[in-house]
Structure formats: C-alpha cells, structure tokens
Amino acid sequence: MAMKDEHETVPPSGDELLARAASTLRALTDDGWVRAHPRVLERALRVVRPARSVVGRHAHGTFEVAVPVLVTRIREHLDDIGDVRTLKVTCVVDDDDDLDSVRVEVSVAFGSAIAAVAERVRTEVRHVVAAATGVRLDADQVAVDLMVEDVHRPTS
C-alpha cells in the first residue's frame, strides 16, 4: 500500500474553487462587481464544471476530448463562414462516449441559399470533429442537425 507523501497536496474540489472565487468577488465593492469583466465568472464556472468527453483515436490508442472543447472548435470554424452566425452548438454523446449527433443553431444572412449554407455547415462540422477526434466521419456516422433560428443582414 503506497503512503501519501506528506508534502503532497490534494487539489480543491470544483465546489471549493467556486466558493473561493465567490468569496473573493464578494470582497469587491458594488462598483468592483460592475467593473469585473462578465466573462470572468463564466470562465470560472466552465473550469470547475465537469463535462462529458468524446472518445478520439490515433495510432497509439484512444484519448478524450471534452465536449466544451469540441463545441468551441466548431464555433470557431463556423464563425469563418460569412453567411452564418452561430447561436448554439450542442453535442450528444452516447453511453460509450462516442459522438452521436451535433445540433447547430444559426442565423443566416438574408438572401442566402439556406440549403447550400446548411450543407456547408454540416460539412464543416464533420471536418472539425474528425480533426479533433482523429476519426474520419461519413455523413451517416454522426448526425449534424441544423436549425435556422434567425436571419440577419449580410455584412458588406
């Protein structure tokens, strides 16, 4: 039975980290709260929140990609498509941690050919997932559901 080194420390749990962060933020004045960048708390919550993972594969075995990482990568790539504004990305993972489907909610530029934009989004999502997980995806392996939620003015 291995004994724990007396100098080794146990990292705080997510709840402990959040309590420390909240305590530090409470010490700020009301003006300090207003000045604090709104994404600070969002990032703190993302760091301490457990997330599902998707199994990836490479020549030496398997690895895991956290779903929030995959969602961020998908958003970054979709934001490069000129006619699309990404509103929400949701990944559904099965019990074996394989990606089952991706739901993408977007706003499309007025006047765009929605069917063409949808196919481009689906292709880009499959490409990003394949690059992140090392698994080549055919159209029938992972469903990419697209919901056009809004229309926006095209950028000039």
C-alpha atoms as a PDB file:
ATOM      1  CA  MET A   1       0.000   0.000   0.000  1.00  0.00           C
ATOM      2  CA  ALA A   2       1.551   3.324  -1.090  1.00  0.00           C
ATOM      3  CA  MET A   3       1.754   6.022   1.530  1.00  0.00           C
ATOM      4  CA  LYS A   4       0.950   9.567   0.633  1.00  0.00           C
ATOM      5  CA  ASP A   5       3.905  11.961   0.644  1.00  0.00           C
ATOM      6  CA  GLU A   6       3.397  14.473   3.467  1.00  0.00           C
ATOM      7  CA  HIS A   7       4.200  17.352   1.085  1.00  0.00           C
ATOM      8  CA  GLU A   8       1.651  16.279  -1.489  1.00  0.00           C
ATOM      9  CA  THR A   9      -1.500  18.390  -1.544  1.00  0.00           C
ATOM     10  CA  VAL A  10      -4.924  17.394  -2.736  1.00  0.00           C
ATOM     11  CA  PRO A  11      -6.325  19.819  -5.307  1.00  0.00           C
ATOM     12  CA  PRO A  12      -9.503  21.563  -4.169  1.00  0.00           C
ATOM     13  CA  SER A  13     -12.800  20.301  -5.499  1.00  0.00           C
ATOM     14  CA  GLY A  14     -14.824  22.278  -8.008  1.00  0.00           C
ATOM     15  CA  ASP A  15     -17.181  23.416  -5.240  1.00  0.00           C
ATOM     16  CA  GLU A  16     -14.253  24.613  -3.135  1.00  0.00           C
ATOM     17  CA  LEU A  17     -12.785  26.562  -6.061  1.00  0.00           C
ATOM     18  CA  LEU A  18     -16.131  28.174  -6.791  1.00  0.00           C
ATOM     19  CA  ALA A  19     -16.604  29.082  -3.104  1.00  0.00           C
ATOM     20  CA  ARG A  20     -13.144  30.693  -3.037  1.00  0.00           C
ATOM     21  CA  ALA A  21     -13.854  32.651  -6.218  1.00  0.00           C
ATOM     22  CA  ALA A  22     -17.242  33.803  -4.911  1.00  0.00           C
ATOM     23  CA  SER A  23     -15.679  34.843  -1.602  1.00  0.00           C
ATOM     24  CA  THR A  24     -13.038  36.884  -3.419  1.00  0.00           C
ATOM     25  CA  LEU A  25     -15.667  38.529  -5.622  1.00  0.00           C
ATOM     26  CA  ARG A  26     -17.873  39.331  -2.577  1.00  0.00           C
ATOM     27  CA  ALA A  27     -14.966  41.281  -1.129  1.00  0.00           C
ATOM     28  CA  LEU A  28     -15.248  43.728  -4.039  1.00  0.00           C
ATOM     29  CA  THR A  29     -17.459  46.784  -3.730  1.00  0.00           C
ATOM     30  CA  ASP A  30     -20.594  47.090  -5.841  1.00  0.00           C
ATOM     31  CA  ASP A  31     -18.565  49.221  -8.252  1.00  0.00           C
ATOM     32  CA  GLY A  32     -15.986  46.446  -8.399  1.00  0.00           C
ATOM     33  CA  TRP A  33     -18.638  43.922  -9.390  1.00  0.00           C
ATOM     34  CA  VAL A  34     -19.773  46.179 -12.207  1.00  0.00           C
ATOM     35  CA  ARG A  35     -16.209  46.660 -13.416  1.00  0.00           C
ATOM     36  CA  ALA A  36     -15.392  42.951 -13.282  1.00  0.00           C
ATOM     37  CA  HIS A  37     -15.468  41.521 -16.778  1.00  0.00           C
ATOM     38  CA  PRO A  38     -18.664  39.461 -17.200  1.00  0.00           C
ATOM     39  CA  ARG A  39     -16.752  36.552 -18.731  1.00  0.00           C
ATOM     40  CA  VAL A  40     -14.682  36.025 -15.558  1.00  0.00           C
ATOM     41  CA  LEU A  41     -17.462  34.174 -13.747  1.00  0.00           C
ATOM     42  CA  GLU A  42     -18.438  32.363 -16.953  1.00  0.00           C
ATOM     43  CA  ARG A  43     -14.872  31.108 -17.343  1.00  0.00           C
ATOM     44  CA  ALA A  44     -14.658  30.124 -13.662  1.00  0.00           C
ATOM     45  CA  LEU A  45     -17.835  28.095 -13.990  1.00  0.00           C
ATOM     46  CA  ARG A  46     -16.541  26.408 -17.150  1.00  0.00           C
ATOM     47  CA  VAL A  47     -13.277  25.470 -15.436  1.00  0.00           C
ATOM     48  CA  VAL A  48     -14.876  23.794 -12.440  1.00  0.00           C
ATOM     49  CA  ARG A  49     -17.855  22.229 -14.171  1.00  0.00           C
ATOM     50  CA  PRO A  50     -17.399  18.564 -15.098  1.00  0.00           C
ATOM     51  CA  ALA A  51     -18.093  17.831 -18.753  1.00  0.00           C
ATOM     52  CA  ARG A  52     -18.725  14.803 -20.901  1.00  0.00           C
ATOM     53  CA  SER A  53     -15.968  13.697 -23.224  1.00  0.00           C
ATOM     54  CA  VAL A  54     -15.874  12.282 -26.718  1.00  0.00           C
ATOM     55  CA  VAL A  55     -13.538   9.383 -27.492  1.00  0.00           C
ATOM     56  CA  GLY A  56     -10.821  10.129 -30.020  1.00  0.00           C
ATOM     57  CA  ARG A  57      -8.462   7.693 -31.663  1.00  0.00           C
ATOM     58  CA  HIS A  58      -4.926   7.806 -33.005  1.00  0.00           C
ATOM     59  CA  ALA A  59      -2.211   5.314 -33.873  1.00  0.00           C
ATOM     60  CA  HIS A  60      -1.231   4.829 -30.204  1.00  0.00           C
ATOM     61  CA  GLY A  61      -4.707   4.279 -28.801  1.00  0.00           C
ATOM     62  CA  THR A  62      -7.590   6.399 -27.623  1.00  0.00           C
ATOM     63  CA  PHE A  63      -7.897   9.788 -25.956  1.00  0.00           C
ATOM     64  CA  GLU A  64     -10.741  12.006 -24.788  1.00  0.00           C
ATOM     65  CA  VAL A  65     -11.835  15.431 -25.988  1.00  0.00           C
ATOM     66  CA  ALA A  66     -14.069  17.384 -23.606  1.00  0.00           C
ATOM     67  CA  VAL A  67     -17.354  18.368 -25.238  1.00  0.00           C
ATOM     68  CA  PRO A  68     -16.877  22.094 -24.425  1.00  0.00           C
ATOM     69  CA  VAL A  69     -13.552  21.977 -26.298  1.00  0.00           C
ATOM     70  CA  LEU A  70     -15.256  20.383 -29.287  1.00  0.00           C
ATOM     71  CA  VAL A  71     -18.073  22.955 -29.171  1.00  0.00           C
ATOM     72  CA  THR A  72     -15.543  25.813 -29.087  1.00  0.00           C
ATOM     73  CA  ARG A  73     -13.667  24.398 -32.089  1.00  0.00           C
ATOM     74  CA  ILE A  74     -16.915  24.008 -34.035  1.00  0.00           C
ATOM     75  CA  ARG A  75     -17.968  27.589 -33.216  1.00  0.00           C
ATOM     76  CA  GLU A  76     -14.591  28.978 -34.284  1.00  0.00           C
ATOM     77  CA  HIS A  77     -14.796  27.284 -37.663  1.00  0.00           C
ATOM     78  CA  LEU A  78     -18.435  28.129 -38.309  1.00  0.00           C
ATOM     79  CA  ASP A  79     -17.790  31.781 -37.484  1.00  0.00           C
ATOM     80  CA  ASP A  80     -15.478  31.855 -40.520  1.00  0.00           C
ATOM     81  CA  ILE A  81     -18.428  31.113 -42.825  1.00  0.00           C
ATOM     82  CA  GLY A  82     -19.548  34.553 -43.989  1.00  0.00           C
ATOM     83  CA  ASP A  83     -23.300  33.900 -44.220  1.00  0.00           C
ATOM     84  CA  VAL A  84     -23.607  32.195 -40.825  1.00  0.00           C
ATOM     85  CA  ARG A  85     -23.698  33.378 -37.219  1.00  0.00           C
ATOM     86  CA  THR A  86     -23.518  30.531 -34.741  1.00  0.00           C
ATOM     87  CA  LEU A  87     -26.078  30.838 -31.947  1.00  0.00           C
ATOM     88  CA  LYS A  88     -25.697  27.495 -30.167  1.00  0.00           C
ATOM     89  CA  VAL A  89     -23.855  24.181 -30.594  1.00  0.00           C
ATOM     90  CA  THR A  90     -24.924  21.053 -28.718  1.00  0.00           C
ATOM     91  CA  CYS A  91     -23.099  17.703 -28.853  1.00  0.00           C
ATOM     92  CA  VAL A  92     -24.900  14.489 -27.911  1.00  0.00           C
ATOM     93  CA  VAL A  93     -22.633  11.704 -26.652  1.00  0.00           C
ATOM     94  CA  ASP A  94     -23.744   8.074 -26.302  1.00  0.00           C
ATOM     95  CA  ASP A  95     -23.055   5.765 -23.345  1.00  0.00           C
ATOM     96  CA  ASP A  96     -19.733   4.657 -24.913  1.00  0.00           C
ATOM     97  CA  ASP A  97     -18.552   8.302 -25.173  1.00  0.00           C
ATOM     98  CA  ASP A  98     -18.858   8.262 -28.954  1.00  0.00           C
ATOM     99  CA  LEU A  99     -20.317  11.361 -30.552  1.00  0.00           C
ATOM    100  CA  ASP A 100     -23.870  10.614 -31.641  1.00  0.00           C
ATOM    101  CA  SER A 101     -25.000  13.949 -33.056  1.00  0.00           C
ATOM    102  CA  VAL A 102     -24.319  17.670 -33.205  1.00  0.00           C
ATOM    103  CA  ARG A 103     -27.112  20.244 -33.193  1.00  0.00           C
ATOM    104  CA  VAL A 104     -26.201  23.648 -34.565  1.00  0.00           C
ATOM    105  CA  GLU A 105     -28.490  26.666 -34.249  1.00  0.00           C
ATOM    106  CA  VAL A 106     -27.605  29.537 -36.572  1.00  0.00           C
ATOM    107  CA  SER A 107     -28.655  32.839 -38.027  1.00  0.00           C
ATOM    108  CA  VAL A 108     -28.289  33.019 -41.819  1.00  0.00           C
ATOM    109  CA  ALA A 109     -27.673  36.165 -43.856  1.00  0.00           C
ATOM    110  CA  PHE A 110     -30.810  37.387 -45.625  1.00  0.00           C
ATOM    111  CA  GLY A 111     -30.845  36.251 -49.235  1.00  0.00           C
ATOM    112  CA  SER A 112     -28.541  33.275 -48.675  1.00  0.00           C
ATOM    113  CA  ALA A 113     -29.395  29.917 -50.199  1.00  0.00           C
ATOM    114  CA  ILE A 114     -30.276  28.109 -46.987  1.00  0.00           C
ATOM    115  CA  ALA A 115     -29.814  24.596 -48.390  1.00  0.00           C
ATOM    116  CA  ALA A 116     -26.294  25.464 -49.596  1.00  0.00           C
ATOM    117  CA  VAL A 117     -25.416  27.103 -46.272  1.00  0.00           C
ATOM    118  CA  ALA A 118     -26.781  24.079 -44.393  1.00  0.00           C
ATOM    119  CA  GLU A 119     -24.636  21.661 -46.408  1.00  0.00           C
ATOM    120  CA  ARG A 120     -21.569  23.850 -45.862  1.00  0.00           C
ATOM    121  CA  VAL A 121     -22.228  23.937 -42.087  1.00  0.00           C
ATOM    122  CA  ARG A 122     -22.700  20.153 -41.960  1.00  0.00           C
ATOM    123  CA  THR A 123     -19.504  19.556 -43.928  1.00  0.00           C
ATOM    124  CA  GLU A 124     -17.536  21.955 -41.721  1.00  0.00           C
ATOM    125  CA  VAL A 125     -18.849  20.352 -38.507  1.00  0.00           C
ATOM    126  CA  ARG A 126     -17.840  16.869 -39.695  1.00  0.00           C
ATOM    127  CA  HIS A 127     -14.404  18.190 -40.694  1.00  0.00           C
ATOM    128  CA  VAL A 128     -13.839  19.833 -37.276  1.00  0.00           C
ATOM    129  CA  VAL A 129     -14.992  16.733 -35.374  1.00  0.00           C
ATOM    130  CA  ALA A 130     -12.758  14.491 -37.490  1.00  0.00           C
ATOM    131  CA  ALA A 131      -9.752  16.780 -36.948  1.00  0.00           C
ATOM    132  CA  ALA A 132     -10.348  16.898 -33.176  1.00  0.00           C
ATOM    133  CA  THR A 133     -11.015  13.196 -32.653  1.00  0.00           C
ATOM    134  CA  GLY A 134      -8.913  11.586 -35.369  1.00  0.00           C
ATOM    135  CA  VAL A 135     -11.978   9.721 -36.602  1.00  0.00           C
ATOM    136  CA  ARG A 136     -12.978  10.187 -40.250  1.00  0.00           C
ATOM    137  CA  LEU A 137     -16.701  10.805 -40.351  1.00  0.00           C
ATOM    138  CA  ASP A 138     -19.091   9.938 -43.126  1.00  0.00           C
ATOM    139  CA  ALA A 139     -22.458  11.666 -43.363  1.00  0.00           C
ATOM    140  CA  ASP A 140     -24.262   8.688 -41.822  1.00  0.00           C
ATOM    141  CA  GLN A 141     -21.976   8.299 -38.789  1.00  0.00           C
ATOM    142  CA  VAL A 142     -22.762  11.499 -36.890  1.00  0.00           C
ATOM    143  CA  ALA A 143     -25.989  13.378 -37.493  1.00  0.00           C
ATOM    144  CA  VAL A 144     -25.480  17.117 -37.877  1.00  0.00           C
ATOM    145  CA  ASP A 145     -28.848  18.733 -37.258  1.00  0.00           C
ATOM    146  CA  LEU A 146     -29.118  22.351 -38.332  1.00  0.00           C
ATOM    147  CA  MET A 147     -31.761  24.767 -37.076  1.00  0.00           C
ATOM    148  CA  VAL A 148     -32.002  28.179 -38.741  1.00  0.00           C
ATOM    149  CA  GLU A 149     -33.265  30.282 -35.836  1.00  0.00           C
ATOM    150  CA  ASP A 150     -32.865  33.764 -37.298  1.00  0.00           C
ATOM    151  CA  VAL A 151     -31.985  35.847 -40.337  1.00  0.00           C
ATOM    152  CA  HIS A 152     -29.558  38.783 -40.219  1.00  0.00           C
ATOM    153  CA  ARG A 153     -28.409  41.492 -42.589  1.00  0.00           C
ATOM    154  CA  PRO A 154     -25.484  40.401 -44.740  1.00  0.00           C
ATOM    155  CA  THR A 155     -22.165  42.053 -43.943  1.00  0.00           C
ATOM    156  CA  SER A 156     -20.885  44.360 -46.647  1.00  0.00           C
END
